[in-house]
Amino acid sequence: MKIFFFKYQATGNDFIIINNLCKQFSLKEKIIQRLCNRNLGIGADGLILIEKIKNYDFYMKYYNSDGKEGSMCGNGGRCSVHFAKKIGVLHKKNTLFKTIDGYHYATINKNIVSINMTNVEFITVDKKYIFLNTGSPHHIIFIKKIENINIKKKGRKLQSSKKYLKTGVNVNFVQINKHILYVRTYERGVENETLSCGTGVTASVIAAYHKKKIFFKKILVKTRGGLLQVKFDTLLQVKFDTLLQSYKRIFLKGEVNFVYKGVIKI
């Protein structure tokens, strides 16, 4: 069987994207692993199928490079919007599409794509870390010198701890310099550092604001693959007789690039 694919990257987070509007592909775990393998296949952090779904422009089905279906991927979502525009699924500059964690609104202006992320209502604050879910679960650690960290070694150690043994977790290491965040991420499913992680960048900004380490609601974030912007609104509400600060209208914005297209036989 021949598969026509498109290769995309968003701040270095790269994906294989396949038009599956006719639902002709049902890829097995081993095939996805091989396609994402950087030595034996095309090479990517993940694989995305674009499919039809009622009441939305399209459905984004996302797989990590380990072949398993993943949770929400922010950069993958932004690449999917650009791809949908490229193949004619979108004829306007905005879209409403669906993923495993619900629906997302997005806008596209040439290569700049902004995507509405899931609301954040529950945040776990510990002395050593913050945990929250932005469509994917994130363990966030604030450090002084981000370049001195062995991301793969430390991230894997936290990922395999008893706390996250069943579900796994993404680990974000965050340095703050004035009003810019520097973020490096160990991604579950990839089991290594990626050049960028959209849900991780979003989680890092929310965590920094929640801990009063930053005071603006529109923040630039530097990853190893480039710059992203996160903006959000806050809302105070009472839940279970407790006053909680939740985060709404969260948008992740940045550049998306089509790299190449090709055909591979499997």
Protein backbone atom coordinates (compact mmCIF):
# COMPACT_ATOMS: atom_id res chain seq x y z
CA MET A 1 0.00 0.00 0.00
CA LYS A 2 1.22 3.49 -0.90
CA ILE A 3 0.66 6.40 1.47
CA PHE A 4 0.85 10.02 0.36
CA PHE A 5 2.05 12.16 3.25
CA PHE A 6 2.94 15.74 4.12
CA LYS A 7 5.73 16.69 6.50
CA TYR A 8 5.13 19.72 8.75
CA GLN A 9 6.96 21.41 11.59
CA ALA A 10 5.94 24.05 14.13
CA THR A 11 8.87 25.50 16.11
CA GLY A 12 10.77 22.27 15.49
CA ASN A 13 7.95 19.96 16.63
CA ASP A 14 7.56 17.84 13.48
CA PHE A 15 4.71 15.71 12.18
CA ILE A 16 3.70 13.38 9.38
CA ILE A 17 0.21 14.43 8.24
CA ILE A 18 -2.03 12.21 6.11
CA ASN A 19 -5.27 13.10 4.37
CA ASN A 20 -7.70 10.46 5.64
CA LEU A 21 -10.96 12.20 4.71
CA CYS A 22 -12.05 9.07 2.87
CA LYS A 23 -11.00 6.93 5.89
CA GLN A 24 -8.93 4.56 3.79
CA PHE A 25 -6.16 4.23 6.37
CA SER A 26 -6.23 2.43 9.69
CA LEU A 27 -2.59 2.33 10.66
CA LYS A 28 -1.24 -0.22 13.10
CA GLU A 29 1.06 0.72 15.97
CA LYS A 30 4.17 -0.86 14.41
CA ILE A 31 3.61 0.95 11.10
CA ILE A 32 3.31 4.32 12.86
CA GLN A 33 6.48 3.59 14.81
CA ARG A 34 8.32 2.82 11.58
CA LEU A 35 7.03 5.90 9.77
CA CYS A 36 8.09 8.15 12.68
CA ASN A 37 11.49 6.46 13.05
CA ARG A 38 14.21 8.94 12.04
CA ASN A 39 16.54 6.21 10.77
CA LEU A 40 14.18 3.71 9.17
CA GLY A 41 11.24 5.87 8.11
CA ILE A 42 10.24 9.46 7.41
CA GLY A 43 10.99 10.67 10.93
CA ALA A 44 8.70 12.73 13.17
CA ASP A 45 7.60 13.42 16.74
CA GLY A 46 4.11 12.22 15.80
CA LEU A 47 1.67 11.27 13.06
CA ILE A 48 -1.67 12.96 12.31
CA LEU A 49 -4.67 11.73 10.34
CA ILE A 50 -7.10 14.39 9.10
CA GLU A 51 -10.62 12.94 8.98
CA LYS A 52 -14.21 14.03 8.38
CA ILE A 53 -16.55 14.59 11.31
CA LYS A 54 -20.09 15.96 11.51
CA ASN A 55 -20.59 19.59 12.63
CA TYR A 56 -16.86 20.41 12.45
CA ASP A 57 -14.42 21.26 9.66
CA PHE A 58 -12.30 18.19 10.40
CA TYR A 59 -11.09 15.77 13.07
CA MET A 60 -7.42 15.57 14.06
CA LYS A 61 -6.40 12.06 15.09
CA TYR A 62 -2.99 12.24 16.70
CA TYR A 63 -0.47 9.46 17.36
CA ASN A 64 2.80 9.77 19.27
CA SER A 65 5.93 8.36 17.65
CA ASP A 66 5.58 5.24 19.83
CA GLY A 67 2.52 4.36 17.72
CA LYS A 68 -0.07 4.93 20.43
CA GLU A 69 -2.91 7.44 20.07
CA GLY A 70 -1.96 10.51 22.06
CA SER A 71 -3.75 13.24 23.94
CA MET A 72 -4.05 16.79 22.61
CA CYS A 73 -1.03 18.17 20.74
CA GLY A 74 -0.96 21.97 20.46
CA ASN A 75 1.65 22.28 17.72
CA GLY A 76 0.10 19.31 15.91
CA GLY A 77 -3.23 21.09 16.01
CA ARG A 78 -1.71 24.22 14.52
CA CYS A 79 -0.05 22.19 11.75
CA SER A 80 -3.36 20.43 11.07
CA VAL A 81 -5.11 23.77 10.52
CA HIS A 82 -2.45 24.83 8.01
CA PHE A 83 -2.70 21.45 6.25
CA ALA A 84 -6.52 21.60 6.11
CA LYS A 85 -6.22 25.01 4.45
CA LYS A 86 -3.62 23.68 2.01
CA ILE A 87 -5.77 20.76 0.79
CA GLY A 88 -8.93 22.86 0.50
CA VAL A 89 -10.83 21.69 3.57
CA LEU A 90 -10.84 25.30 4.78
CA HIS A 91 -11.83 28.22 2.57
CA LYS A 92 -11.67 30.85 5.29
CA LYS A 93 -9.22 32.15 7.88
CA ASN A 94 -10.89 30.48 10.84
CA THR A 95 -11.96 26.96 11.71
CA LEU A 96 -13.67 24.85 14.32
CA PHE A 97 -12.22 21.36 14.48
CA LYS A 98 -12.28 18.48 16.92
CA THR A 99 -9.61 16.41 18.68
CA ILE A 100 -9.56 13.79 21.41
CA ASP A 101 -10.03 16.47 24.12
CA GLY A 102 -12.93 18.31 22.44
CA TYR A 103 -13.35 21.12 19.95
CA HIS A 104 -10.87 23.90 19.16
CA TYR A 105 -11.27 27.25 17.44
CA ALA A 106 -8.32 28.44 15.36
CA THR A 107 -7.33 31.21 12.96
CA ILE A 108 -4.76 31.16 10.19
CA ASN A 109 -2.97 34.07 8.53
CA LYS A 110 -0.43 32.77 6.00
CA ASN A 111 2.02 30.76 8.15
CA ILE A 112 0.84 32.06 11.52
CA VAL A 113 -1.71 29.84 13.26
CA SER A 114 -3.43 30.59 16.56
CA ILE A 115 -5.35 27.84 18.34
CA ASN A 116 -7.72 27.97 21.31
CA MET A 117 -6.53 25.52 23.98
CA THR A 118 -8.64 23.72 26.58
CA ASN A 119 -9.62 25.61 29.74
CA VAL A 120 -7.60 24.99 32.90
CA GLU A 121 -9.52 24.75 36.17
CA PHE A 122 -7.53 22.48 38.45
CA ILE A 123 -3.88 23.03 39.29
CA THR A 124 -1.78 21.04 41.78
CA VAL A 125 0.84 23.19 43.49
CA ASP A 126 3.73 21.49 45.30
CA LYS A 127 6.92 22.99 46.74
CA LYS A 128 8.98 21.35 43.98
CA TYR A 129 6.62 21.35 41.00
CA ILE A 130 3.24 22.30 39.52
CA PHE A 131 0.94 19.86 37.74
CA LEU A 132 -1.85 20.81 35.34
CA ASN A 133 -3.57 19.54 32.22
CA THR A 134 -3.78 21.65 29.05
CA GLY A 135 -5.17 18.82 26.93
CA SER A 136 -2.13 16.76 27.95
CA PRO A 137 -0.75 16.35 31.49
CA HIS A 138 2.31 18.40 32.45
CA HIS A 139 4.71 18.32 35.38
CA ILE A 140 6.42 21.72 35.56
CA ILE A 141 9.66 22.62 37.32
CA PHE A 142 11.09 26.14 37.53
CA ILE A 143 14.88 26.30 37.37
CA LYS A 144 17.57 28.98 37.14
CA LYS A 145 19.76 27.60 34.33
CA ILE A 146 17.82 25.61 31.77
CA GLU A 147 20.81 24.71 29.59
CA ASN A 148 22.48 22.77 32.39
CA ILE A 149 19.71 20.17 32.63
CA ASN A 150 19.92 16.68 31.12
CA ILE A 151 16.31 16.73 29.92
CA LYS A 152 16.15 13.11 28.77
CA LYS A 153 17.63 11.68 31.98
CA LYS A 154 15.66 13.82 34.44
CA GLY A 155 12.45 13.72 32.41
CA ARG A 156 12.50 9.95 32.11
CA LYS A 157 13.12 9.60 35.85
CA LEU A 158 10.04 11.70 36.67
CA GLN A 159 7.99 9.97 33.98
CA SER A 160 8.72 6.56 35.50
CA SER A 161 7.99 7.61 39.10
CA LYS A 162 5.10 5.97 40.98
CA LYS A 163 2.99 9.11 40.65
CA TYR A 164 2.86 8.89 36.85
CA LEU A 165 3.55 5.21 36.24
CA LYS A 166 0.05 4.40 34.93
CA THR A 167 -0.66 7.43 32.75
CA GLY A 168 2.73 8.96 32.06
CA VAL A 169 3.41 12.69 32.01
CA ASN A 170 5.19 15.39 30.02
CA VAL A 171 7.91 17.17 31.99
CA ASN A 172 8.63 20.86 31.44
CA PHE A 173 11.70 22.70 32.68
CA VAL A 174 11.12 26.46 32.78
CA GLN A 175 13.47 29.41 33.18
CA ILE A 176 12.13 32.97 33.45
CA ASN A 177 14.19 35.91 32.23
CA LYS A 178 12.35 39.20 32.72
CA HIS A 179 9.05 38.61 30.90
CA ILE A 180 10.13 35.77 28.59
CA LEU A 181 9.84 32.09 29.43
CA TYR A 182 12.41 29.56 28.25
CA VAL A 183 10.93 26.06 28.10
CA ARG A 184 12.40 22.64 27.42
CA THR A 185 10.16 19.56 27.37
CA TYR A 186 10.48 15.83 27.80
CA GLU A 187 7.48 14.33 25.95
CA ARG A 188 5.78 11.07 26.81
CA GLY A 189 5.18 8.93 23.74
CA VAL A 190 8.36 10.32 22.22
CA GLU A 191 10.34 9.46 25.38
CA ASN A 192 12.86 12.17 24.68
CA GLU A 193 13.22 15.93 24.49
CA THR A 194 11.40 17.61 21.61
CA LEU A 195 12.35 20.99 20.18
CA SER A 196 8.95 22.36 21.20
CA CYS A 197 5.69 21.27 22.84
CA GLY A 198 2.54 23.37 22.42
CA THR A 199 0.57 22.04 25.40
CA GLY A 200 3.78 22.20 27.46
CA VAL A 201 4.44 25.83 26.58
CA THR A 202 0.83 26.66 27.44
CA ALA A 203 1.03 24.80 30.75
CA SER A 204 4.33 26.52 31.63
CA VAL A 205 2.84 29.99 31.10
CA ILE A 206 -0.28 29.20 33.16
CA ALA A 207 1.88 27.71 35.93
CA ALA A 208 4.19 30.76 35.99
CA TYR A 209 1.24 33.14 36.24
CA HIS A 210 -0.45 31.00 38.88
CA LYS A 211 2.72 31.08 41.00
CA LYS A 212 2.98 34.86 40.48
CA LYS A 213 6.28 34.55 38.68
CA ILE A 214 4.89 36.60 35.78
CA PHE A 215 2.09 39.20 35.80
CA PHE A 216 1.11 39.61 32.15
CA LYS A 217 -1.57 37.60 30.35
CA LYS A 218 0.22 37.69 27.00
CA ILE A 219 3.65 36.06 27.10
CA LEU A 220 6.42 35.16 24.66
CA VAL A 221 7.96 31.73 25.11
CA LYS A 222 11.28 30.62 23.69
CA THR A 223 11.72 26.93 22.87
CA ARG A 224 14.68 25.23 21.23
CA GLY A 225 12.74 25.31 17.97
CA GLY A 226 11.59 28.93 18.04
CA LEU A 227 9.17 31.44 19.55
CA LEU A 228 5.55 30.92 20.59
CA GLN A 229 3.03 33.26 22.16
CA VAL A 230 0.45 32.38 24.80
CA LYS A 231 -2.39 34.63 25.92
CA PHE A 232 -5.27 33.92 28.28
CA ASP A 233 -8.00 35.29 30.55
CA THR A 234 -8.57 34.47 34.21
CA LEU A 235 -11.79 33.83 36.09
CA LEU A 236 -12.42 33.53 39.82
CA GLN A 237 -15.11 31.02 40.75
CA VAL A 238 -16.32 29.06 43.73
CA LYS A 239 -16.11 25.26 43.56
CA PHE A 240 -16.61 22.90 46.48
CA ASP A 241 -16.81 25.96 48.79
CA THR A 242 -13.35 27.03 47.65
CA LEU A 243 -12.42 30.14 45.66
CA LEU A 244 -10.47 28.96 42.61
CA GLN A 245 -8.76 30.83 39.80
CA SER A 246 -9.41 29.21 36.44
CA TYR A 247 -7.99 30.05 33.03
CA LYS A 248 -10.16 30.58 29.95
CA ARG A 249 -9.78 31.70 26.35
CA ILE A 250 -6.22 30.38 26.19
CA PHE A 251 -4.58 30.82 22.79
CA LEU A 252 -1.32 29.35 21.50
CA LYS A 253 0.13 31.23 18.52
CA GLY A 254 3.16 30.76 16.32
CA GLU A 255 4.60 29.93 12.93
CA VAL A 256 3.85 26.72 11.04
CA ASN A 257 5.90 25.44 8.12
CA PHE A 258 5.17 22.89 5.41
CA VAL A 259 8.45 21.02 4.85
CA TYR A 260 7.82 18.57 1.99
CA LYS A 261 5.43 15.97 0.66
CA GLY A 262 6.07 12.46 -0.57
CA VAL A 263 4.86 8.91 -0.97
CA ILE A 264 5.98 5.87 0.98
CA LYS A 265 5.19 2.22 0.43
CA ILE A 266 4.29 0.09 3.44
